[in-house]
C-alpha atoms as a PDB file:
ATOM      1  CA  MET A   1      10.372  -2.508  15.475  1.00  0.00           C
ATOM      2  CA  PHE A   2      11.649   0.094  13.151  1.00  0.00           C
ATOM      3  CA  SER A   3      12.674   3.515  14.903  1.00  0.00           C
ATOM      4  CA  SER A   4      13.449   7.022  13.769  1.00  0.00           C
ATOM      5  CA  GLU A   5      16.545   6.763  16.238  1.00  0.00           C
ATOM      6  CA  GLU A   6      17.848   3.260  15.779  1.00  0.00           C
ATOM      7  CA  ASN A   7      17.014   0.991  12.894  1.00  0.00           C
ATOM      8  CA  ARG A   8      20.213  -1.327  12.791  1.00  0.00           C
ATOM      9  CA  ALA A   9      18.416  -4.306  13.972  1.00  0.00           C
ATOM     10  CA  VAL A  10      15.515  -5.772  11.609  1.00  0.00           C
ATOM     11  CA  ASN A  11      13.185  -8.269  13.159  1.00  0.00           C
ATOM     12  CA  PHE A  12      10.618 -10.835  11.725  1.00  0.00           C
ATOM     13  CA  GLN A  13       8.704 -13.826  12.938  1.00  0.00           C
ATOM     14  CA  PHE A  14       8.618 -17.045  10.841  1.00  0.00           C
ATOM     15  CA  GLN A  15       4.974 -18.296   9.816  1.00  0.00           C
ATOM     16  CA  LYS A  16       5.415 -21.289   7.990  1.00  0.00           C
ATOM     17  CA  ASP A  17       6.015 -24.904   9.274  1.00  0.00           C
ATOM     18  CA  SER A  18       9.730 -24.990   8.187  1.00  0.00           C
ATOM     19  CA  GLY A  19      12.428 -23.419   6.100  1.00  0.00           C
ATOM     20  CA  ARG A  20      15.982 -22.241   5.829  1.00  0.00           C
ATOM     21  CA  LEU A  21      17.098 -19.158   7.667  1.00  0.00           C
ATOM     22  CA  ASP A  22      19.180 -17.725   4.747  1.00  0.00           C
ATOM     23  CA  LEU A  23      16.293 -18.139   2.163  1.00  0.00           C
ATOM     24  CA  PHE A  24      13.750 -16.658   4.562  1.00  0.00           C
ATOM     25  CA  LEU A  25      15.899 -13.621   5.356  1.00  0.00           C
ATOM     26  CA  HIS A  26      16.548 -13.201   1.674  1.00  0.00           C
ATOM     27  CA  SER A  27      12.780 -13.182   1.119  1.00  0.00           C
ATOM     28  CA  LYS A  28      12.452 -10.389   3.612  1.00  0.00           C
ATOM     29  CA  LEU A  29      15.498  -8.435   2.520  1.00  0.00           C
ATOM     30  CA  PRO A  30      15.503  -8.797  -1.382  1.00  0.00           C
ATOM     31  CA  ASP A  31      18.128  -5.960  -1.571  1.00  0.00           C
ATOM     32  CA  PHE A  32      20.671  -8.076   0.124  1.00  0.00           C
ATOM     33  CA  SER A  33      22.244 -10.655  -2.053  1.00  0.00           C
ATOM     34  CA  ARG A  34      21.941 -14.252  -1.003  1.00  0.00           C
ATOM     35  CA  GLU A  35      25.615 -14.351  -0.605  1.00  0.00           C
ATOM     36  CA  ARG A  36      25.576 -11.160   1.358  1.00  0.00           C
ATOM     37  CA  ILE A  37      22.900 -12.906   3.671  1.00  0.00           C
ATOM     38  CA  LYS A  38      25.008 -15.869   3.944  1.00  0.00           C
ATOM     39  CA  LYS A  39      28.064 -13.940   5.041  1.00  0.00           C
ATOM     40  CA  LEU A  40      26.094 -11.741   7.894  1.00  0.00           C
ATOM     41  CA  ILE A  41      24.656 -14.994   9.232  1.00  0.00           C
ATOM     42  CA  GLN A  42      28.223 -16.628   9.333  1.00  0.00           C
ATOM     43  CA  GLN A  43      29.572 -13.574  10.846  1.00  0.00           C
ATOM     44  CA  GLY A  44      27.250 -13.873  13.701  1.00  0.00           C
ATOM     45  CA  PHE A  45      24.791 -10.985  12.760  1.00  0.00           C
ATOM     46  CA  ALA A  46      21.536 -13.295  13.001  1.00  0.00           C
ATOM     47  CA  LYS A  47      19.842 -14.707  16.053  1.00  0.00           C
ATOM     48  CA  VAL A  48      16.750 -17.037  16.586  1.00  0.00           C
ATOM     49  CA  ASN A  49      14.931 -16.765  19.477  1.00  0.00           C
ATOM     50  CA  CYS A  50      17.481 -14.531  20.709  1.00  0.00           C
ATOM     51  CA  LYS A  51      20.397 -17.052  20.247  1.00  0.00           C
ATOM     52  CA  ASN A  52      23.057 -16.648  17.839  1.00  0.00           C
ATOM     53  CA  VAL A  53      22.951 -18.902  14.713  1.00  0.00           C
ATOM     54  CA  ILE A  54      25.800 -19.014  12.239  1.00  0.00           C
ATOM     55  CA  LYS A  55      24.360 -21.609   9.816  1.00  0.00           C
ATOM     56  CA  PRO A  56      22.708 -20.220   6.846  1.00  0.00           C
ATOM     57  CA  GLY A  57      20.969 -23.404   6.556  1.00  0.00           C
ATOM     58  CA  TYR A  58      19.480 -23.696  10.011  1.00  0.00           C
ATOM     59  CA  LYS A  59      16.076 -24.886  10.016  1.00  0.00           C
ATOM     60  CA  LEU A  60      13.498 -22.654  11.295  1.00  0.00           C
ATOM     61  CA  LYS A  61      10.339 -23.529  13.028  1.00  0.00           C
ATOM     62  CA  TYR A  62       6.777 -21.800  13.058  1.00  0.00           C
ATOM     63  CA  LYS A  63       6.716 -18.574  15.132  1.00  0.00           C
ATOM     64  CA  ASP A  64      10.585 -18.588  15.533  1.00  0.00           C
ATOM     65  CA  ASN A  65      11.640 -14.950  16.141  1.00  0.00           C
ATOM     66  CA  ILE A  66      14.456 -13.804  13.705  1.00  0.00           C
ATOM     67  CA  SER A  67      16.344 -10.879  14.261  1.00  0.00           C
ATOM     68  CA  MET A  68      19.498  -9.529  12.181  1.00  0.00           C
ATOM     69  CA  ILE A  69      21.989  -6.625  12.845  1.00  0.00           C
ATOM     70  CA  ILE A  70      22.983  -4.888   9.573  1.00  0.00           C
ATOM     71  CA  ASP A  71      26.065  -2.503   8.990  1.00  0.00           C
ATOM     72  CA  GLU A  72      25.458   1.083   9.190  1.00  0.00           C
ATOM     73  CA  ALA A  73      26.043   1.413   5.369  1.00  0.00           C
ATOM     74  CA  ASP A  74      23.190  -1.021   4.803  1.00  0.00           C
ATOM     75  CA  LYS A  75      20.519   1.194   6.594  1.00  0.00           C
ATOM     76  CA  SER A  76      17.698   1.023   4.264  1.00  0.00           C
ATOM     77  CA  LEU A  77      15.860   4.302   4.991  1.00  0.00           C
ATOM     78  CA  GLN A  78      16.489   7.631   6.537  1.00  0.00           C
ATOM     79  CA  PRO A  79      13.936   9.724   8.049  1.00  0.00           C
ATOM     80  CA  GLN A  80      12.938  12.984   6.064  1.00  0.00           C
ATOM     81  CA  ASP A  81      10.526  15.893   6.930  1.00  0.00           C
ATOM     82  CA  ILE A  82       7.901  15.012   4.584  1.00  0.00           C
ATOM     83  CA  PRO A  83       4.648  16.786   5.411  1.00  0.00           C
ATOM     84  CA  ILE A  84       1.923  13.920   5.835  1.00  0.00           C
ATOM     85  CA  PRO A  85      -1.443  14.888   7.090  1.00  0.00           C
ATOM     86  CA  VAL A  86      -2.378  12.549  10.013  1.00  0.00           C
ATOM     87  CA  ILE A  87      -6.154  11.813  10.350  1.00  0.00           C
ATOM     88  CA  TYR A  88      -5.993   9.598  13.406  1.00  0.00           C
ATOM     89  CA  GLU A  89      -3.251   8.226  15.684  1.00  0.00           C
ATOM     90  CA  ASP A  90      -2.970   6.254  18.857  1.00  0.00           C
ATOM     91  CA  GLU A  91      -0.381   3.725  20.337  1.00  0.00           C
ATOM     92  CA  ASP A  92      -0.939   0.961  17.750  1.00  0.00           C
ATOM     93  CA  ILE A  93      -1.862   2.621  14.491  1.00  0.00           C
ATOM     94  CA  ALA A  94      -2.327   5.909  12.598  1.00  0.00           C
ATOM     95  CA  VAL A  95      -4.569   6.812   9.614  1.00  0.00           C
ATOM     96  CA  ILE A  96      -2.823   9.248   7.301  1.00  0.00           C
ATOM     97  CA  ASN A  97      -3.917  11.018   4.163  1.00  0.00           C
ATOM     98  CA  LYS A  98      -1.252  10.250   1.480  1.00  0.00           C
ATOM     99  CA  PRO A  99      -0.476  13.165  -0.753  1.00  0.00           C
ATOM    100  CA  VAL A 100      -0.317  12.853  -4.644  1.00  0.00           C
ATOM    101  CA  GLY A 101       2.897  12.537  -6.201  1.00  0.00           C
ATOM    102  CA  LEU A 102       4.534  10.304  -3.226  1.00  0.00           C
ATOM    103  CA  ILE A 103       5.243   6.645  -3.708  1.00  0.00           C
ATOM    104  CA  THR A 104       4.425   4.546  -0.620  1.00  0.00           C
ATOM    105  CA  HIS A 105       7.781   2.842  -0.314  1.00  0.00           C
ATOM    106  CA  PRO A 106      10.758   2.458  -2.552  1.00  0.00           C
ATOM    107  CA  VAL A 107      11.481  -0.404  -4.580  1.00  0.00           C
ATOM    108  CA  SER A 108      15.219  -0.625  -3.772  1.00  0.00           C
ATOM    109  CA  LEU A 109      17.630   0.579  -1.343  1.00  0.00           C
ATOM    110  CA  ASP A 110      19.381   2.622  -4.138  1.00  0.00           C
ATOM    111  CA  LYS A 111      16.282   4.583  -4.816  1.00  0.00           C
ATOM    112  CA  LYS A 112      16.641   8.290  -4.338  1.00  0.00           C
ATOM    113  CA  THR A 113      12.977   9.272  -4.719  1.00  0.00           C
ATOM    114  CA  PRO A 114      11.494  10.512  -1.256  1.00  0.00           C
ATOM    115  CA  ALA A 115       8.877   8.196  -0.389  1.00  0.00           C
ATOM    116  CA  LEU A 116       6.054   7.900   2.286  1.00  0.00           C
ATOM    117  CA  VAL A 117       8.163   5.793   4.462  1.00  0.00           C
ATOM    118  CA  ASN A 118      10.826   8.240   4.939  1.00  0.00           C
ATOM    119  CA  GLY A 119       8.085  10.722   6.192  1.00  0.00           C
ATOM    120  CA  LEU A 120       6.587   7.981   8.555  1.00  0.00           C
ATOM    121  CA  LEU A 121      10.050   7.519  10.169  1.00  0.00           C
ATOM    122  CA  TYR A 122      10.279  11.295  10.669  1.00  0.00           C
ATOM    123  CA  ARG A 123       6.823  11.645  12.138  1.00  0.00           C
ATOM    124  CA  PHE A 124       6.489   8.604  14.191  1.00  0.00           C
ATOM    125  CA  ASN A 125       8.879   6.994  16.814  1.00  0.00           C
ATOM    126  CA  GLN A 126       8.060   3.427  16.163  1.00  0.00           C
ATOM    127  CA  LEU A 127       6.825   1.411  13.263  1.00  0.00           C
ATOM    128  CA  SER A 128       6.192  -2.378  12.487  1.00  0.00           C
ATOM    129  CA  ASP A 129       8.751  -4.265  10.630  1.00  0.00           C
ATOM    130  CA  ILE A 130       7.223  -7.298   9.551  1.00  0.00           C
ATOM    131  CA  ASN A 131       7.381  -6.332   5.934  1.00  0.00           C
ATOM    132  CA  GLY A 132      10.957  -5.588   6.001  1.00  0.00           C
ATOM    133  CA  LEU A 133      13.645  -2.846   5.710  1.00  0.00           C
ATOM    134  CA  LEU A 134      11.723  -0.876   2.924  1.00  0.00           C
ATOM    135  CA  LYS A 135       8.148  -0.850   4.286  1.00  0.00           C
ATOM    136  CA  PRO A 136       8.269  -0.026   8.061  1.00  0.00           C
ATOM    137  CA  GLY A 137       4.587   0.346   9.046  1.00  0.00           C
ATOM    138  CA  ILE A 138       3.106  -0.420   5.617  1.00  0.00           C
ATOM    139  CA  VAL A 139       0.282  -2.778   5.772  1.00  0.00           C
ATOM    140  CA  HIS A 140      -1.398  -1.762   2.355  1.00  0.00           C
ATOM    141  CA  ARG A 141      -0.326   0.949  -0.288  1.00  0.00           C
ATOM    142  CA  LEU A 142      -1.589   3.472  -2.877  1.00  0.00           C
ATOM    143  CA  ASP A 143      -0.062   3.996  -6.282  1.00  0.00           C
ATOM    144  CA  LYS A 144       2.089   7.105  -6.257  1.00  0.00           C
ATOM    145  CA  ASP A 145      -0.468   9.259  -7.952  1.00  0.00           C
ATOM    146  CA  THR A 146      -3.480   8.068  -6.086  1.00  0.00           C
ATOM    147  CA  SER A 147      -4.218  10.258  -3.002  1.00  0.00           C
ATOM    148  CA  GLY A 148      -6.096   9.273   0.156  1.00  0.00           C
ATOM    149  CA  LEU A 149      -6.253   6.929   3.333  1.00  0.00           C
ATOM    150  CA  LEU A 150      -3.769   4.496   4.463  1.00  0.00           C
ATOM    151  CA  ILE A 151      -3.506   2.646   7.725  1.00  0.00           C
ATOM    152  CA  VAL A 152      -0.025   2.737   9.531  1.00  0.00           C
ATOM    153  CA  ALA A 153       0.965  -0.179  11.822  1.00  0.00           C
ATOM    154  CA  LYS A 154       3.152   1.145  14.803  1.00  0.00           C
ATOM    155  CA  ASN A 155       3.709  -2.481  16.060  1.00  0.00           C
ATOM    156  CA  ASN A 156       3.936  -5.866  14.757  1.00  0.00           C
ATOM    157  CA  SER A 157       0.596  -6.977  16.790  1.00  0.00           C
ATOM    158  CA  ALA A 158      -1.364  -4.384  15.092  1.00  0.00           C
ATOM    159  CA  HIS A 159       0.317  -5.031  11.960  1.00  0.00           C
ATOM    160  CA  ILE A 160      -0.759  -8.501  11.956  1.00  0.00           C
ATOM    161  CA  ASP A 161      -4.363  -7.793  13.004  1.00  0.00           C
ATOM    162  CA  ILE A 162      -4.883  -5.218  10.254  1.00  0.00           C
ATOM    163  CA  ALA A 163      -3.190  -7.618   7.439  1.00  0.00           C
ATOM    164  CA  GLY A 164      -5.515 -10.161   8.572  1.00  0.00           C
ATOM    165  CA  GLN A 165      -8.463  -8.039   8.201  1.00  0.00           C
ATOM    166  CA  PHE A 166      -7.305  -7.117   4.533  1.00  0.00           C
ATOM    167  CA  LYS A 167      -6.844 -10.832   3.693  1.00  0.00           C
ATOM    168  CA  ASP A 168     -10.283 -11.839   5.111  1.00  0.00           C
ATOM    169  CA  ARG A 169     -11.771  -8.779   3.306  1.00  0.00           C
ATOM    170  CA  GLN A 170     -12.986  -7.022   6.277  1.00  0.00           C
ATOM    171  CA  VAL A 171     -11.729  -3.631   5.571  1.00  0.00           C
ATOM    172  CA  LEU A 172     -14.134  -1.415   3.674  1.00  0.00           C
ATOM    173  CA  LYS A 173     -12.632   0.988   1.211  1.00  0.00           C
ATOM    174  CA  LYS A 174     -14.251   3.645  -1.008  1.00  0.00           C
ATOM    175  CA  TYR A 175     -12.582   5.550  -3.702  1.00  0.00           C
ATOM    176  CA  LEU A 176     -13.693   8.604  -5.750  1.00  0.00           C
ATOM    177  CA  ALA A 177     -12.795   8.888  -9.436  1.00  0.00           C
ATOM    178  CA  VAL A 178     -13.710  10.604 -12.600  1.00  0.00           C
ATOM    179  CA  THR A 179     -13.983   8.612 -15.648  1.00  0.00           C
ATOM    180  CA  GLU A 180     -13.835   9.124 -19.316  1.00  0.00           C
ATOM    181  CA  GLY A 181     -17.042   8.931 -21.151  1.00  0.00           C
ATOM    182  CA  GLU A 182     -20.514   8.767 -19.841  1.00  0.00           C
ATOM    183  CA  ILE A 183     -21.116   5.316 -17.972  1.00  0.00           C
ATOM    184  CA  SER A 184     -24.773   4.466 -18.807  1.00  0.00           C
ATOM    185  CA  GLU A 185     -25.740   2.216 -15.842  1.00  0.00           C
ATOM    186  CA  ASP A 186     -26.343   3.814 -12.477  1.00  0.00           C
ATOM    187  CA  GLU A 187     -24.170   0.974 -10.800  1.00  0.00           C
ATOM    188  CA  GLY A 188     -22.641  -2.364 -11.415  1.00  0.00           C
ATOM    189  CA  ILE A 189     -19.971  -4.912 -10.662  1.00  0.00           C
ATOM    190  CA  ILE A 190     -17.028  -5.524 -12.752  1.00  0.00           C
ATOM    191  CA  GLU A 191     -15.345  -8.967 -12.121  1.00  0.00           C
ATOM    192  CA  ARG A 192     -12.444 -10.071 -14.160  1.00  0.00           C
ATOM    193  CA  PRO A 193      -9.237 -11.601 -13.230  1.00  0.00           C
ATOM    194  CA  ILE A 194      -6.053  -9.683 -13.102  1.00  0.00           C
ATOM    195  CA  ALA A 195      -2.494 -10.523 -13.751  1.00  0.00           C
ATOM    196  CA  ARG A 196       0.907  -8.855 -14.294  1.00  0.00           C
ATOM    197  CA  GLY A 197       1.777  -7.953 -17.859  1.00  0.00           C
ATOM    198  CA  LYS A 198       3.669 -10.701 -19.867  1.00  0.00           C
ATOM    199  CA  TYR A 199       6.189  -8.053 -21.463  1.00  0.00           C
ATOM    200  CA  GLN A 200       5.445  -5.140 -19.204  1.00  0.00           C
ATOM    201  CA  ARG A 201       5.751  -6.201 -15.915  1.00  0.00           C
ATOM    202  CA  ARG A 202       4.743  -2.958 -14.223  1.00  0.00           C
ATOM    203  CA  LYS A 203       1.455  -2.994 -16.151  1.00  0.00           C
ATOM    204  CA  MET A 204      -1.428  -5.246 -14.978  1.00  0.00           C
ATOM    205  CA  ARG A 205      -3.934  -6.670 -17.526  1.00  0.00           C
ATOM    206  CA  ILE A 206      -6.927  -8.672 -17.519  1.00  0.00           C
ATOM    207  CA  ASP A 207      -5.991 -12.476 -17.943  1.00  0.00           C
ATOM    208  CA  ASP A 208      -8.746 -15.027 -17.853  1.00  0.00           C
ATOM    209  CA  ASP A 209      -5.997 -18.155 -17.714  1.00  0.00           C
ATOM    210  CA  LYS A 210      -3.365 -16.578 -15.258  1.00  0.00           C
ATOM    211  CA  GLY A 211      -5.328 -13.825 -13.453  1.00  0.00           C
ATOM    212  CA  LYS A 212      -6.346 -13.623  -9.820  1.00  0.00           C
ATOM    213  CA  ASN A 213      -9.967 -13.133  -8.933  1.00  0.00           C
ATOM    214  CA  ALA A 214     -10.856  -9.294  -8.609  1.00  0.00           C
ATOM    215  CA  ARG A 215     -14.138  -7.656  -8.163  1.00  0.00           C
ATOM    216  CA  THR A 216     -15.283  -3.889  -8.318  1.00  0.00           C
ATOM    217  CA  TYR A 217     -18.388  -2.370  -7.608  1.00  0.00           C
ATOM    218  CA  PHE A 218     -19.133   0.986  -8.929  1.00  0.00           C
ATOM    219  CA  LYS A 219     -21.920   3.794  -8.566  1.00  0.00           C
ATOM    220  CA  VAL A 220     -22.455   6.772 -10.627  1.00  0.00           C
ATOM    221  CA  LEU A 221     -22.692  10.055  -8.535  1.00  0.00           C
ATOM    222  CA  HIS A 222     -22.762  12.593 -11.485  1.00  0.00           C
ATOM    223  CA  ARG A 223     -23.030  12.198 -15.442  1.00  0.00           C
ATOM    224  CA  LEU A 224     -20.820  15.121 -17.001  1.00  0.00           C
ATOM    225  CA  HIS A 225     -21.369  15.044 -20.687  1.00  0.00           C
ATOM    226  CA  SER A 226     -18.230  13.325 -21.737  1.00  0.00           C
ATOM    227  CA  HIS A 227     -17.170  12.333 -18.066  1.00  0.00           C
ATOM    228  CA  THR A 228     -18.681  10.468 -15.146  1.00  0.00           C
ATOM    229  CA  PHE A 229     -18.023  10.911 -11.391  1.00  0.00           C
ATOM    230  CA  VAL A 230     -18.109   7.526  -9.585  1.00  0.00           C
ATOM    231  CA  ILE A 231     -17.538   6.045  -6.244  1.00  0.00           C
ATOM    232  CA  LEU A 232     -15.666   2.854  -6.486  1.00  0.00           C
ATOM    233  CA  TYR A 233     -15.508  -0.252  -4.088  1.00  0.00           C
ATOM    234  CA  PRO A 234     -12.596  -2.555  -4.540  1.00  0.00           C
ATOM    235  CA  GLN A 235     -13.842  -5.921  -2.980  1.00  0.00           C
ATOM    236  CA  THR A 236     -10.638  -7.499  -3.629  1.00  0.00           C
ATOM    237  CA  GLY A 237      -7.073  -5.857  -3.543  1.00  0.00           C
ATOM    238  CA  ARG A 238      -5.111  -6.510  -6.752  1.00  0.00           C
ATOM    239  CA  THR A 239      -2.674  -4.312  -8.095  1.00  0.00           C
ATOM    240  CA  HIS A 240      -4.106  -1.429 -10.026  1.00  0.00           C
ATOM    241  CA  GLN A 241      -7.237  -3.216  -9.719  1.00  0.00           C
ATOM    242  CA  LEU A 242      -9.616  -0.149 -10.018  1.00  0.00           C
ATOM    243  CA  ARG A 243      -7.469   1.590 -13.016  1.00  0.00           C
ATOM    244  CA  VAL A 244      -7.559  -2.009 -14.790  1.00  0.00           C
ATOM    245  CA  HIS A 245     -11.182  -2.425 -14.422  1.00  0.00           C
ATOM    246  CA  MET A 246     -12.184   0.773 -15.438  1.00  0.00           C
ATOM    247  CA  GLU A 247      -9.953   0.576 -18.605  1.00  0.00           C
ATOM    248  CA  TYR A 248     -11.674  -2.904 -19.445  1.00  0.00           C
ATOM    249  CA  TYR A 249     -15.102  -1.258 -18.933  1.00  0.00           C
ATOM    250  CA  GLY A 250     -14.503   1.099 -21.402  1.00  0.00           C
ATOM    251  CA  HIS A 251     -14.214   4.135 -19.099  1.00  0.00           C
ATOM    252  CA  PRO A 252     -10.601   4.671 -17.966  1.00  0.00           C
ATOM    253  CA  ILE A 253      -9.860   7.050 -15.193  1.00  0.00           C
ATOM    254  CA  ILE A 254      -9.231  10.428 -16.329  1.00  0.00           C
ATOM    255  CA  GLY A 255      -5.617  11.397 -16.334  1.00  0.00           C
ATOM    256  CA  ASP A 256      -4.426   7.717 -16.173  1.00  0.00           C
ATOM    257  CA  SER A 257      -1.488   7.634 -18.653  1.00  0.00           C
ATOM    258  CA  LYS A 258      -0.589   3.871 -17.972  1.00  0.00           C
ATOM    259  CA  TYR A 259      -4.227   2.597 -18.499  1.00  0.00           C
ATOM    260  CA  GLY A 260      -6.047   5.380 -20.411  1.00  0.00           C
ATOM    261  CA  LYS A 261      -4.554   8.943 -21.584  1.00  0.00           C
ATOM    262  CA  LYS A 262      -3.218  12.085 -20.109  1.00  0.00           C
ATOM    263  CA  SER A 263      -5.420  14.972 -19.555  1.00  0.00           C
ATOM    264  CA  THR A 264      -5.331  18.809 -19.748  1.00  0.00           C
ATOM    265  CA  LEU A 265      -7.820  18.633 -16.846  1.00  0.00           C
ATOM    266  CA  ILE A 266      -5.558  16.944 -14.229  1.00  0.00           C
ATOM    267  CA  SER A 267      -1.994  16.139 -14.227  1.00  0.00           C
ATOM    268  CA  ARG A 268      -2.487  12.501 -12.585  1.00  0.00           C
ATOM    269  CA  GLN A 269      -5.225   9.759 -12.501  1.00  0.00           C
ATOM    270  CA  ALA A 270      -8.238  11.309 -10.808  1.00  0.00           C
ATOM    271  CA  LEU A 271      -8.384   8.637  -8.040  1.00  0.00           C
ATOM    272  CA  HIS A 272      -8.749   9.318  -4.491  1.00  0.00           C
ATOM    273  CA  ALA A 273      -9.329   6.829  -1.299  1.00  0.00           C
ATOM    274  CA  PHE A 274     -11.420   8.902   0.543  1.00  0.00           C
ATOM    275  CA  TYR A 275     -13.052   6.349   3.122  1.00  0.00           C
ATOM    276  CA  ILE A 276     -11.904   3.566   5.007  1.00  0.00           C
ATOM    277  CA  GLU A 277     -13.427   1.200   7.494  1.00  0.00           C
ATOM    278  CA  PHE A 278     -11.860  -1.476   9.685  1.00  0.00           C
ATOM    279  CA  ARG A 279     -11.822  -3.103  13.356  1.00  0.00           C
ATOM    280  CA  HIS A 280      -9.090  -1.534  15.677  1.00  0.00           C
ATOM    281  CA  PRO A 281      -6.644  -4.127  16.372  1.00  0.00           C
ATOM    282  CA  ARG A 282      -6.583  -3.708  20.018  1.00  0.00           C
ATOM    283  CA  THR A 283     -10.191  -2.458  21.363  1.00  0.00           C
ATOM    284  CA  LYS A 284     -11.842  -4.484  18.486  1.00  0.00           C
ATOM    285  CA  ASP A 285     -14.209  -1.180  17.815  1.00  0.00           C
ATOM    286  CA  ARG A 286     -15.352  -0.638  14.301  1.00  0.00           C
ATOM    287  CA  MET A 287     -13.709   2.565  13.042  1.00  0.00           C
ATOM    288  CA  HIS A 288     -14.308   4.414  10.028  1.00  0.00           C
ATOM    289  CA  PHE A 289     -12.252   7.785   8.577  1.00  0.00           C
ATOM    290  CA  LYS A 290     -12.654  10.193   5.430  1.00  0.00           C
ATOM    291  CA  ALA A 291      -9.882  12.169   3.651  1.00  0.00           C
ATOM    292  CA  PRO A 292     -10.831  15.475   2.238  1.00  0.00           C
ATOM    293  CA  LEU A 293     -10.325  15.631  -1.558  1.00  0.00           C
ATOM    294  CA  PRO A 294      -7.088  17.431  -2.529  1.00  0.00           C
ATOM    295  CA  GLU A 295      -7.041  20.604  -4.454  1.00  0.00           C
ATOM    296  CA  ASP A 296      -6.357  19.341  -7.815  1.00  0.00           C
ATOM    297  CA  PHE A 297      -9.271  16.885  -7.523  1.00  0.00           C
ATOM    298  CA  LYS A 298     -11.547  19.690  -6.274  1.00  0.00           C
ATOM    299  CA  GLY A 299     -10.308  21.817  -9.327  1.00  0.00           C
ATOM    300  CA  LEU A 300     -11.231  18.885 -11.606  1.00  0.00           C
ATOM    301  CA  LEU A 301     -14.649  18.632 -10.233  1.00  0.00           C
ATOM    302  CA  MET A 302     -15.122  22.615 -10.704  1.00  0.00           C
ATOM    303  CA  LYS A 303     -14.061  22.558 -13.952  1.00  0.00           C
ATOM    304  CA  LEU A 304     -16.725  19.783 -15.043  1.00  0.00           C
ATOM    305  CA  GLY A 305     -19.310  21.921 -13.470  1.00  0.00           C
ATOM    306  CA  ILE A 306     -19.830  19.839 -10.141  1.00  0.00           C
ATOM    307  CA  LYS A 307     -20.655  22.121  -7.192  1.00  0.00           C
ATOM    308  CA  GLU A 308     -20.505  19.896  -4.004  1.00  0.00           C
ATOM    309  CA  ASP A 309     -19.323  20.482  -0.500  1.00  0.00           C
ATOM    310  CA  PHE A 310     -16.927  17.706  -1.188  1.00  0.00           C
ATOM    311  CA  ASN A 311     -18.003  16.000   2.160  1.00  0.00           C
ATOM    312  CA  MET A 312     -20.799  13.861   0.488  1.00  0.00           C
ATOM    313  CA  GLU A 313     -22.197  11.022   2.504  1.00  0.00           C
ATOM    314  CA  VAL A 314     -21.707   8.106   0.234  1.00  0.00           C
END
């Protein structure tokens, strides 16, 4: 497990029937070249089931435990004192309210921008390491300019359980958003497949041929002349799903410069993950949490004439 005090060792569990050690480690440590991985293995820095393995092509078996010691210079992340509101915490998980403007995790070891994971390493003594060097504790993510709730796994057992719930669609998430234009229907379902852009790889698109199934339920809370305040329920978990679906529907989210346009009313997309419900990985009790709206979202609603206590039961 990753620790704020010691993170030279990285640990993984192999979940396939068979595979090469070097290829598996490269898939988990993409910022290390295959040649770098090969040399580390040959130098004796890799273990399988607590035994040293020096052959890069060593054949892994299902549920083999793999560990690797990396050089000090190769440490992926450093703890940083980043304020992160903690909604709930126990020995297995934490539920946090991700601030606006903070990426969940860096995309490369050279990334200098502070990320949520830097703050997690500072705040928590132990985090899961299943997703590798750049994603300690991260089971799911939010876009940089989307605020709201995230579940953080403190150990690998909790991580595997929560990830399984996401895969089986047992995690209920609700988002609040303000869209461009008045939505005429009181509620509805948008179901269109989503794929990565052919030329703009960081932008998603509707693609009937190559896209993965994506389904979003929406419900109108308030109509505001030229805008609509809605609640969105993603029933699948595709990248940028809510933003892409609302653009396709003709009502992009206010302030979404990637899938809509910039706004003078708010400096980012008006999207907040305010509710999450799941089963605790250890006790199996059903749990649910809410995250208060950030000040910029409250300010947007006030500008549009919505007077709420911002703790609505939806």
